[in-house]
N, C-alpha and C. Protein backbone atom coordinates (compact mmCIF):
# COMPACT_ATOMS: atom_id res chain seq x y z
N MET A 1 -108.10 128.78 11.18
CA MET A 1 -108.79 129.08 12.42
C MET A 1 -110.34 128.76 12.33
N ILE A 2 -110.97 129.04 11.20
CA ILE A 2 -112.27 128.70 11.07
C ILE A 2 -112.50 127.19 11.07
N LYS A 3 -111.54 126.42 10.32
CA LYS A 3 -111.65 124.94 10.35
C LYS A 3 -111.49 124.32 11.76
N LYS A 4 -110.61 124.93 12.53
CA LYS A 4 -110.45 124.47 13.88
C LYS A 4 -111.54 124.71 14.87
N THR A 5 -112.35 125.77 14.54
CA THR A 5 -113.46 126.19 15.37
C THR A 5 -114.78 125.52 15.00
N TRP A 6 -114.98 125.52 13.70
CA TRP A 6 -116.39 124.97 13.29
C TRP A 6 -116.37 123.58 12.90
N LEU A 7 -115.17 122.86 12.53
CA LEU A 7 -115.29 121.56 12.26
C LEU A 7 -115.66 120.63 13.50
N PRO A 8 -115.12 120.99 14.71
CA PRO A 8 -115.68 120.03 15.77
C PRO A 8 -117.07 120.34 16.04
N SER A 9 -117.57 121.65 15.93
CA SER A 9 -118.89 121.89 16.06
C SER A 9 -119.84 121.12 15.15
N LEU A 10 -119.38 121.14 14.01
CA LEU A 10 -120.09 120.32 12.85
C LEU A 10 -120.21 118.94 13.17
N ILE A 11 -119.17 118.29 13.63
CA ILE A 11 -119.09 116.87 13.92
C ILE A 11 -120.10 116.57 15.06
N ILE A 12 -120.06 117.45 16.16
CA ILE A 12 -121.04 117.21 17.26
C ILE A 12 -122.39 117.37 16.83
N VAL A 13 -122.73 118.42 15.98
CA VAL A 13 -124.02 118.53 15.46
C VAL A 13 -124.47 117.29 14.65
N ILE A 14 -123.68 116.74 13.82
CA ILE A 14 -124.01 115.49 13.10
C ILE A 14 -124.15 114.42 14.05
N CYS A 15 -123.47 114.40 15.14
CA CYS A 15 -123.63 113.23 16.15
C CYS A 15 -124.97 113.38 16.94
N VAL A 16 -125.40 114.61 17.12
CA VAL A 16 -126.69 114.97 17.78
C VAL A 16 -127.86 114.48 16.91
N VAL A 17 -127.73 114.73 15.57
CA VAL A 17 -128.73 114.30 14.67
C VAL A 17 -128.81 112.74 14.59
N ILE A 18 -127.59 112.20 14.53
CA ILE A 18 -127.61 110.61 14.57
C ILE A 18 -128.07 110.08 15.78
N GLN A 19 -127.69 110.65 16.95
CA GLN A 19 -128.13 109.97 18.15
C GLN A 19 -129.62 110.20 18.45
N SER A 20 -130.20 111.36 17.77
CA SER A 20 -131.68 111.59 18.01
C SER A 20 -132.41 110.76 17.06
N THR A 21 -131.92 110.24 15.99
CA THR A 21 -132.71 109.54 15.05
C THR A 21 -132.42 108.12 15.02
N LEU A 22 -131.11 107.71 14.65
CA LEU A 22 -130.80 106.40 14.46
C LEU A 22 -130.52 105.56 15.76
N LEU A 23 -129.76 106.20 16.75
CA LEU A 23 -129.37 105.47 17.95
C LEU A 23 -130.66 105.21 18.79
N ARG A 24 -131.84 105.83 18.56
CA ARG A 24 -133.01 105.46 19.40
C ARG A 24 -133.48 104.05 19.16
N ASN A 25 -133.15 103.42 18.01
CA ASN A 25 -133.46 102.19 17.73
C ASN A 25 -132.72 101.12 18.43
N ILE A 26 -131.54 101.49 18.89
CA ILE A 26 -130.64 100.43 19.60
C ILE A 26 -130.36 100.97 21.07
N SER A 27 -131.38 101.51 21.68
CA SER A 27 -131.16 101.93 23.03
C SER A 27 -131.43 100.94 24.16
N ILE A 28 -130.90 101.07 25.24
CA ILE A 28 -131.10 100.23 26.37
C ILE A 28 -132.06 100.84 27.34
N LEU A 29 -133.27 100.22 27.50
CA LEU A 29 -134.41 100.73 28.23
C LEU A 29 -134.73 102.18 27.95
N ASN A 30 -134.77 102.43 26.52
CA ASN A 30 -135.06 103.81 26.06
C ASN A 30 -134.05 104.87 26.40
N VAL A 31 -132.83 104.53 26.66
CA VAL A 31 -131.76 105.42 27.09
C VAL A 31 -130.63 105.24 26.10
N THR A 32 -130.26 106.22 25.39
CA THR A 32 -129.06 106.31 24.46
C THR A 32 -127.83 106.98 25.08
N PRO A 33 -126.73 106.56 24.72
CA PRO A 33 -125.53 107.23 25.10
C PRO A 33 -125.50 108.59 24.62
N ASP A 34 -124.92 109.52 25.31
CA ASP A 34 -124.90 110.85 24.80
C ASP A 34 -123.44 111.05 24.13
N ILE A 35 -123.30 110.70 22.90
CA ILE A 35 -122.04 110.69 22.10
C ILE A 35 -121.63 112.25 21.97
N ALA A 36 -122.61 113.06 21.74
CA ALA A 36 -122.28 114.51 21.55
C ALA A 36 -121.65 115.01 22.76
N LEU A 37 -122.10 114.69 23.90
CA LEU A 37 -121.47 115.09 25.27
C LEU A 37 -120.01 114.66 25.33
N ILE A 38 -119.78 113.48 24.96
CA ILE A 38 -118.49 112.97 24.95
C ILE A 38 -117.59 113.61 24.07
N LEU A 39 -118.05 113.89 22.80
CA LEU A 39 -117.28 114.64 21.93
C LEU A 39 -117.05 116.18 22.37
N LEU A 40 -118.07 116.65 22.97
CA LEU A 40 -117.96 118.00 23.54
C LEU A 40 -116.79 118.04 24.57
N VAL A 41 -116.77 117.11 25.41
CA VAL A 41 -115.82 117.15 26.50
C VAL A 41 -114.39 117.00 25.79
N PHE A 42 -114.25 116.12 24.81
CA PHE A 42 -112.98 115.92 24.10
C PHE A 42 -112.52 117.23 23.45
N PHE A 43 -113.40 117.94 22.70
CA PHE A 43 -113.14 119.06 21.94
C PHE A 43 -112.80 120.12 22.96
N SER A 44 -113.60 120.34 23.91
CA SER A 44 -113.38 121.45 24.86
C SER A 44 -111.96 121.32 25.53
N ASN A 45 -111.81 120.08 25.80
CA ASN A 45 -110.43 119.84 26.57
C ASN A 45 -109.23 120.18 25.65
N ASN A 46 -109.43 119.78 24.38
CA ASN A 46 -108.40 120.01 23.36
C ASN A 46 -108.32 121.40 22.77
N ARG A 47 -109.36 122.13 22.82
CA ARG A 47 -109.41 123.43 22.12
C ARG A 47 -109.62 124.68 23.03
N GLY A 48 -110.09 124.57 24.21
CA GLY A 48 -110.21 125.60 25.13
C GLY A 48 -111.66 126.04 25.32
N SER A 49 -111.87 126.99 26.19
CA SER A 49 -113.23 127.39 26.54
C SER A 49 -114.10 127.97 25.57
N MET A 50 -113.45 128.94 24.77
CA MET A 50 -114.27 129.58 23.84
C MET A 50 -114.75 128.67 22.71
N ARG A 51 -113.94 127.86 22.22
CA ARG A 51 -114.37 126.85 21.24
C ARG A 51 -115.35 125.74 21.81
N GLY A 52 -115.08 125.49 23.10
CA GLY A 52 -115.94 124.62 23.81
C GLY A 52 -117.44 125.19 23.83
N GLN A 53 -117.49 126.53 24.21
CA GLN A 53 -118.73 127.05 24.23
C GLN A 53 -119.44 127.10 22.94
N ILE A 54 -118.68 127.43 21.91
CA ILE A 54 -119.23 127.41 20.51
C ILE A 54 -119.80 126.01 20.14
N ALA A 55 -118.97 125.03 20.37
CA ALA A 55 -119.40 123.68 20.00
C ALA A 55 -120.64 123.33 21.00
N GLY A 56 -120.56 123.62 22.24
CA GLY A 56 -121.72 123.28 23.08
C GLY A 56 -123.02 123.99 22.72
N PHE A 57 -122.85 125.22 22.40
CA PHE A 57 -124.14 125.90 22.01
C PHE A 57 -124.63 125.47 20.74
N ALA A 58 -123.73 125.25 19.67
CA ALA A 58 -124.24 124.52 18.33
C ALA A 58 -124.98 123.21 18.60
N SER A 59 -124.35 122.38 19.23
CA SER A 59 -124.91 121.09 19.47
C SER A 59 -126.21 121.21 20.28
N GLY A 60 -126.11 122.02 21.34
CA GLY A 60 -127.30 122.20 22.26
C GLY A 60 -128.57 122.84 21.54
N ILE A 61 -128.37 123.63 20.66
CA ILE A 61 -129.47 124.27 19.90
C ILE A 61 -130.05 123.36 19.01
N VAL A 62 -129.17 122.51 18.31
CA VAL A 62 -129.77 121.52 17.46
C VAL A 62 -130.51 120.52 18.11
N GLU A 63 -130.01 120.09 19.32
CA GLU A 63 -130.78 119.15 20.17
C GLU A 63 -132.07 119.75 20.66
N ASP A 64 -132.07 121.04 20.87
CA ASP A 64 -133.42 121.69 21.21
C ASP A 64 -134.43 121.60 20.10
N PHE A 65 -133.94 121.80 18.87
CA PHE A 65 -134.82 121.74 17.73
C PHE A 65 -135.38 120.23 17.62
N LEU A 66 -134.53 119.20 17.82
CA LEU A 66 -134.92 117.88 17.67
C LEU A 66 -135.76 117.31 18.99
N SER A 67 -135.78 117.97 19.95
CA SER A 67 -136.50 117.37 21.12
C SER A 67 -137.61 118.13 21.45
N LEU A 68 -138.33 117.75 22.52
CA LEU A 68 -139.53 118.49 22.91
C LEU A 68 -139.20 119.40 24.24
N SER A 69 -137.95 119.53 24.56
CA SER A 69 -137.58 120.44 25.68
C SER A 69 -137.69 121.87 25.24
N PRO A 70 -137.76 122.68 26.14
CA PRO A 70 -137.93 124.15 25.87
C PRO A 70 -136.67 124.76 25.16
N MET A 71 -136.87 125.62 24.29
CA MET A 71 -135.84 126.18 23.44
C MET A 71 -134.69 126.73 24.27
N GLY A 72 -133.52 126.33 24.12
CA GLY A 72 -132.44 126.90 24.88
C GLY A 72 -132.03 126.00 26.05
N PHE A 73 -132.83 124.98 26.40
CA PHE A 73 -132.54 124.11 27.51
C PHE A 73 -131.25 123.36 27.31
N HIS A 74 -131.15 122.66 26.20
CA HIS A 74 -129.91 121.97 25.95
C HIS A 74 -128.82 122.78 25.63
N ALA A 75 -129.05 123.91 24.91
CA ALA A 75 -128.06 124.95 24.58
C ALA A 75 -127.38 125.53 25.73
N PHE A 76 -128.05 125.89 26.72
CA PHE A 76 -127.47 126.27 27.97
C PHE A 76 -126.67 125.35 28.73
N ILE A 77 -127.18 124.11 28.85
CA ILE A 77 -126.40 123.04 29.49
C ILE A 77 -125.15 122.70 28.86
N LYS A 78 -125.19 122.56 27.44
CA LYS A 78 -123.93 122.17 26.70
C LYS A 78 -122.91 123.33 26.64
N THR A 79 -123.43 124.45 26.65
CA THR A 79 -122.57 125.73 26.59
C THR A 79 -121.76 125.84 27.96
N VAL A 80 -122.53 125.54 29.09
CA VAL A 80 -121.78 125.60 30.41
C VAL A 80 -120.81 124.38 30.39
N ILE A 81 -121.13 123.24 29.91
CA ILE A 81 -120.13 122.09 30.06
C ILE A 81 -119.03 122.36 29.12
N GLY A 82 -119.26 122.92 27.88
CA GLY A 82 -118.07 123.32 27.02
C GLY A 82 -117.16 124.25 27.66
N TYR A 83 -117.73 125.26 28.31
CA TYR A 83 -116.91 126.28 29.08
C TYR A 83 -116.17 125.70 30.21
N LEU A 84 -116.83 124.89 31.00
CA LEU A 84 -116.06 124.37 32.06
C LEU A 84 -115.01 123.38 31.78
N TYR A 85 -115.10 122.60 30.60
CA TYR A 85 -114.17 121.68 30.43
C TYR A 85 -113.08 122.26 29.49
N GLY A 86 -113.32 123.41 28.91
CA GLY A 86 -112.38 124.23 28.21
C GLY A 86 -111.32 124.70 29.20
N PHE A 87 -111.62 124.87 30.41
CA PHE A 87 -110.53 125.35 31.48
C PHE A 87 -109.53 124.25 31.66
N THR A 88 -109.79 123.03 31.27
CA THR A 88 -108.75 121.96 31.49
C THR A 88 -107.85 121.99 30.38
N HIS A 89 -108.04 122.75 29.30
CA HIS A 89 -107.04 122.81 28.17
C HIS A 89 -105.71 123.26 28.63
N GLY A 90 -104.79 122.20 28.34
CA GLY A 90 -103.35 122.47 28.63
C GLY A 90 -102.99 122.28 30.06
N LYS A 91 -103.94 122.02 30.86
CA LYS A 91 -103.58 121.96 32.33
C LYS A 91 -103.71 120.56 32.94
N ILE A 92 -104.55 119.67 32.37
CA ILE A 92 -104.67 118.29 32.88
C ILE A 92 -104.39 117.33 31.79
N PHE A 93 -103.42 116.36 32.01
CA PHE A 93 -103.01 115.42 31.13
C PHE A 93 -104.09 114.34 30.99
N ILE A 94 -104.66 114.02 29.86
CA ILE A 94 -105.71 113.06 29.59
C ILE A 94 -105.00 111.76 29.12
N GLY A 95 -105.10 110.88 30.12
CA GLY A 95 -104.51 109.42 29.89
C GLY A 95 -105.43 108.70 28.95
N PRO A 96 -105.09 107.51 28.55
CA PRO A 96 -105.95 106.74 27.59
C PRO A 96 -107.22 106.30 28.14
N ILE A 97 -107.38 105.88 29.42
CA ILE A 97 -108.60 105.09 29.91
C ILE A 97 -109.21 105.88 31.03
N PHE A 98 -108.52 106.25 32.15
CA PHE A 98 -109.24 106.69 33.31
C PHE A 98 -109.67 108.15 33.23
N MET A 99 -108.93 109.00 32.76
CA MET A 99 -109.28 110.43 32.77
C MET A 99 -110.42 110.60 31.74
N PRO A 100 -110.46 110.02 30.55
CA PRO A 100 -111.77 110.21 29.82
C PRO A 100 -113.07 109.75 30.52
N MET A 101 -112.85 108.70 31.29
CA MET A 101 -114.07 108.15 32.01
C MET A 101 -114.40 109.04 33.14
N ILE A 102 -113.45 109.64 33.81
CA ILE A 102 -113.87 110.51 34.91
C ILE A 102 -114.37 111.75 34.33
N PHE A 103 -113.84 112.33 33.28
CA PHE A 103 -114.18 113.60 32.64
C PHE A 103 -115.72 113.41 32.12
N VAL A 104 -116.02 112.34 31.45
CA VAL A 104 -117.33 112.10 30.87
C VAL A 104 -118.30 111.82 32.05
N GLY A 105 -117.95 111.00 33.02
CA GLY A 105 -118.75 110.89 34.15
C GLY A 105 -119.24 112.11 34.85
N VAL A 106 -118.20 112.83 35.16
CA VAL A 106 -118.62 114.22 35.77
C VAL A 106 -119.41 115.12 34.88
N ALA A 107 -119.14 115.05 33.53
CA ALA A 107 -119.98 115.86 32.61
C ALA A 107 -121.35 115.36 32.60
N THR A 108 -121.55 114.05 32.54
CA THR A 108 -122.93 113.50 32.61
C THR A 108 -123.58 113.91 33.93
N PHE A 109 -122.92 113.82 34.93
CA PHE A 109 -123.60 114.21 36.22
C PHE A 109 -123.88 115.76 36.24
N THR A 110 -123.02 116.66 35.62
CA THR A 110 -123.32 117.92 35.56
C THR A 110 -124.46 118.26 34.70
N LYS A 111 -124.56 117.56 33.58
CA LYS A 111 -125.75 117.72 32.72
C LYS A 111 -127.00 117.36 33.34
N SER A 112 -126.96 116.28 34.12
CA SER A 112 -128.13 115.87 34.77
C SER A 112 -128.60 116.90 35.86
N LEU A 113 -127.60 117.31 36.64
CA LEU A 113 -127.74 118.23 37.72
C LEU A 113 -128.27 119.62 37.29
N LEU A 114 -127.66 120.13 36.19
CA LEU A 114 -128.17 121.42 35.61
C LEU A 114 -129.51 121.30 35.12
N GLY A 115 -129.84 120.15 34.42
CA GLY A 115 -131.23 119.95 33.96
C GLY A 115 -132.22 119.92 35.09
N PHE A 116 -131.88 119.10 36.19
CA PHE A 116 -132.77 119.11 37.41
C PHE A 116 -132.97 120.47 38.07
N ILE A 117 -131.95 121.28 38.07
CA ILE A 117 -131.98 122.58 38.66
C ILE A 117 -132.97 123.43 37.77
N ILE A 118 -132.73 123.48 36.49
CA ILE A 118 -133.53 124.36 35.51
C ILE A 118 -135.04 123.89 35.73
N PHE A 119 -135.29 122.67 35.55
CA PHE A 119 -136.70 122.14 35.62
C PHE A 119 -137.27 122.44 37.05
N SER A 120 -136.49 122.40 38.10
CA SER A 120 -137.00 122.72 39.37
C SER A 120 -137.36 124.23 39.56
N ILE A 121 -136.69 125.04 38.99
CA ILE A 121 -136.82 126.43 39.04
C ILE A 121 -138.07 126.83 38.16
N PHE A 122 -138.23 126.32 36.90
CA PHE A 122 -139.19 126.76 36.05
C PHE A 122 -140.51 125.94 36.03
N LEU A 123 -140.45 124.84 36.56
CA LEU A 123 -141.59 123.94 36.61
C LEU A 123 -142.03 123.61 38.07
N LYS A 124 -143.07 124.25 38.61
CA LYS A 124 -143.41 124.01 40.05
C LYS A 124 -143.84 122.61 40.34
N GLU A 125 -144.51 121.92 39.32
CA GLU A 125 -145.06 120.68 39.53
C GLU A 125 -144.05 119.45 39.11
N TYR A 126 -142.76 119.96 38.87
CA TYR A 126 -141.72 119.00 38.49
C TYR A 126 -141.22 118.21 39.84
N SER A 127 -141.39 116.94 39.70
CA SER A 127 -140.93 116.20 40.92
C SER A 127 -140.19 114.91 40.53
N ALA A 128 -139.30 114.97 39.64
CA ALA A 128 -138.52 113.90 39.35
C ALA A 128 -137.24 113.73 40.16
N THR A 129 -136.69 112.56 40.19
CA THR A 129 -135.50 112.43 41.07
C THR A 129 -134.24 112.57 40.13
N LEU A 130 -133.16 113.08 40.76
CA LEU A 130 -131.99 113.32 40.23
C LEU A 130 -131.19 111.93 39.71
N PHE A 131 -131.28 110.99 40.57
CA PHE A 131 -130.59 109.77 40.26
C PHE A 131 -131.54 108.52 40.04
N ASP A 132 -132.16 108.55 39.00
CA ASP A 132 -133.08 107.47 38.62
C ASP A 132 -132.30 106.51 37.82
N TYR A 133 -133.06 105.44 37.36
CA TYR A 133 -132.31 104.30 36.71
C TYR A 133 -131.84 104.85 35.32
N LYS A 134 -132.56 105.74 34.65
CA LYS A 134 -132.24 106.26 33.34
C LYS A 134 -130.87 106.99 33.48
N PHE A 135 -130.62 107.74 34.51
CA PHE A 135 -129.49 108.45 34.72
C PHE A 135 -128.27 107.46 34.86
N LEU A 136 -128.46 106.51 35.55
CA LEU A 136 -127.46 105.45 35.85
C LEU A 136 -127.02 104.73 34.64
N ILE A 137 -128.13 104.37 33.82
CA ILE A 137 -127.84 103.82 32.53
C ILE A 137 -127.02 104.67 31.66
N GLU A 138 -127.53 105.89 31.51
CA GLU A 138 -126.76 106.75 30.50
C GLU A 138 -125.23 107.09 31.06
N LEU A 139 -125.16 107.22 32.39
CA LEU A 139 -123.83 107.35 33.04
C LEU A 139 -122.89 106.18 32.64
N GLY A 140 -123.42 104.99 32.73
CA GLY A 140 -122.63 103.76 32.37
C GLY A 140 -122.35 103.71 30.96
N GLU A 141 -123.32 104.10 30.16
CA GLU A 141 -123.01 103.90 28.80
C GLU A 141 -122.05 105.04 28.34
N ASN A 142 -122.07 106.21 28.83
CA ASN A 142 -121.09 107.23 28.47
C ASN A 142 -119.74 107.07 28.98
N VAL A 143 -119.74 106.57 30.25
CA VAL A 143 -118.40 106.25 30.84
C VAL A 143 -117.70 105.11 30.12
N PHE A 144 -118.46 104.05 29.67
CA PHE A 144 -117.91 102.90 28.87
C PHE A 144 -117.44 103.44 27.58
N LEU A 145 -118.11 104.31 26.83
CA LEU A 145 -117.64 104.74 25.51
C LEU A 145 -116.62 105.80 25.45
N ALA A 146 -116.50 106.51 26.60
CA ALA A 146 -115.56 107.62 26.56
C ALA A 146 -114.12 107.24 26.17
N PRO A 147 -113.49 106.26 26.69
CA PRO A 147 -112.05 106.00 26.24
C PRO A 147 -112.01 105.59 24.79
N PHE A 148 -113.01 104.96 24.22
CA PHE A 148 -112.92 104.49 22.75
C PHE A 148 -113.13 105.73 21.95
N ILE A 149 -114.11 106.70 22.25
CA ILE A 149 -114.26 107.84 21.43
C ILE A 149 -113.12 108.83 21.57
N PHE A 150 -112.46 108.99 22.70
CA PHE A 150 -111.36 109.83 22.96
C PHE A 150 -110.15 109.25 22.05
N ALA A 151 -109.95 107.95 22.14
CA ALA A 151 -108.88 107.31 21.29
C ALA A 151 -109.04 107.48 19.84
N PHE A 152 -110.21 107.27 19.28
CA PHE A 152 -110.62 107.39 17.97
C PHE A 152 -110.42 108.87 17.49
N MET A 153 -110.93 109.81 18.18
CA MET A 153 -110.69 111.20 17.79
C MET A 153 -109.19 111.61 17.93
N GLY A 154 -108.47 110.91 18.83
CA GLY A 154 -107.13 111.36 18.98
C GLY A 154 -106.24 110.84 17.80
N LEU A 155 -106.78 109.98 17.07
CA LEU A 155 -106.13 109.52 15.87
C LEU A 155 -105.90 110.54 14.76
N PHE A 156 -106.75 111.48 14.72
CA PHE A 156 -106.78 112.56 13.70
C PHE A 156 -106.00 113.75 14.19
N LYS A 157 -105.10 114.11 13.36
CA LYS A 157 -104.02 115.20 13.78
C LYS A 157 -104.79 116.57 14.04
N ILE A 158 -105.94 116.80 13.30
CA ILE A 158 -106.59 118.04 13.30
C ILE A 158 -107.28 118.16 14.78
N PHE A 159 -107.55 117.12 15.31
CA PHE A 159 -108.36 117.13 16.61
C PHE A 159 -107.46 116.93 17.82
N ARG A 160 -106.13 116.75 17.68
CA ARG A 160 -105.28 116.76 18.77
C ARG A 160 -105.06 118.12 19.55
N ALA A 161 -104.71 118.05 20.67
CA ALA A 161 -104.57 119.20 21.44
C ALA A 161 -103.59 120.23 20.82
N GLU A 162 -103.83 121.52 20.85
CA GLU A 162 -103.05 122.46 20.27
C GLU A 162 -101.86 122.74 21.30
N ASP A 163 -100.80 123.19 20.77
CA ASP A 163 -99.64 123.58 21.72
C ASP A 163 -100.13 124.99 22.36
N ARG A 164 -99.64 125.05 23.41
CA ARG A 164 -99.97 126.46 24.18
C ARG A 164 -99.26 127.55 23.44
N VAL A 165 -100.04 128.64 23.41
CA VAL A 165 -99.51 129.83 22.82
C VAL A 165 -99.02 130.80 23.82
N GLY A 166 -97.79 131.29 23.67
CA GLY A 166 -97.28 132.14 24.67
C GLY A 166 -96.05 132.76 24.17
N TYR A 167 -95.17 133.10 25.07
CA TYR A 167 -93.84 133.76 24.71
C TYR A 167 -92.96 132.78 23.99
N LYS A 168 -92.31 133.12 22.94
CA LYS A 168 -91.42 132.42 22.25
C LYS A 168 -90.06 133.18 22.20
N LYS A 169 -89.05 132.42 22.35
CA LYS A 169 -87.65 133.12 22.33
C LYS A 169 -87.19 133.21 20.88
């Protein structure tokens, strides 16, 4: 139980650290793909809402420590995304190519929209646009990488979707 809950969170946290430090050197126009978000969508879909929230909060709080954003900003966004994608656990079949791309595209849009709403509420002088070129580059990078990361993580038995728990004869 502990391994199934905390191992995905640990992997996502390690990816947050790697993407905050090493991937900055190979970014396109100063935009890096959000690999932690892709993994969060994968683990939330395979493990459910509660484990998605835990993984989202853990990765978000580490991202808050490593960035200049207000404390709790990324933690809130990633927790909400983990919760929402946990609802798809056992309900939606994830194909090899298109569903990961759609899931990650919607998650990237949700991340950007929630960030825009939070900044609009708390910062009166905030006047950024929701769909700028950085968003579109990140969306393209995330959507491109999603099938590869989903396929790679699906190779490991421990990360595959759990069977539904319910009444057994």
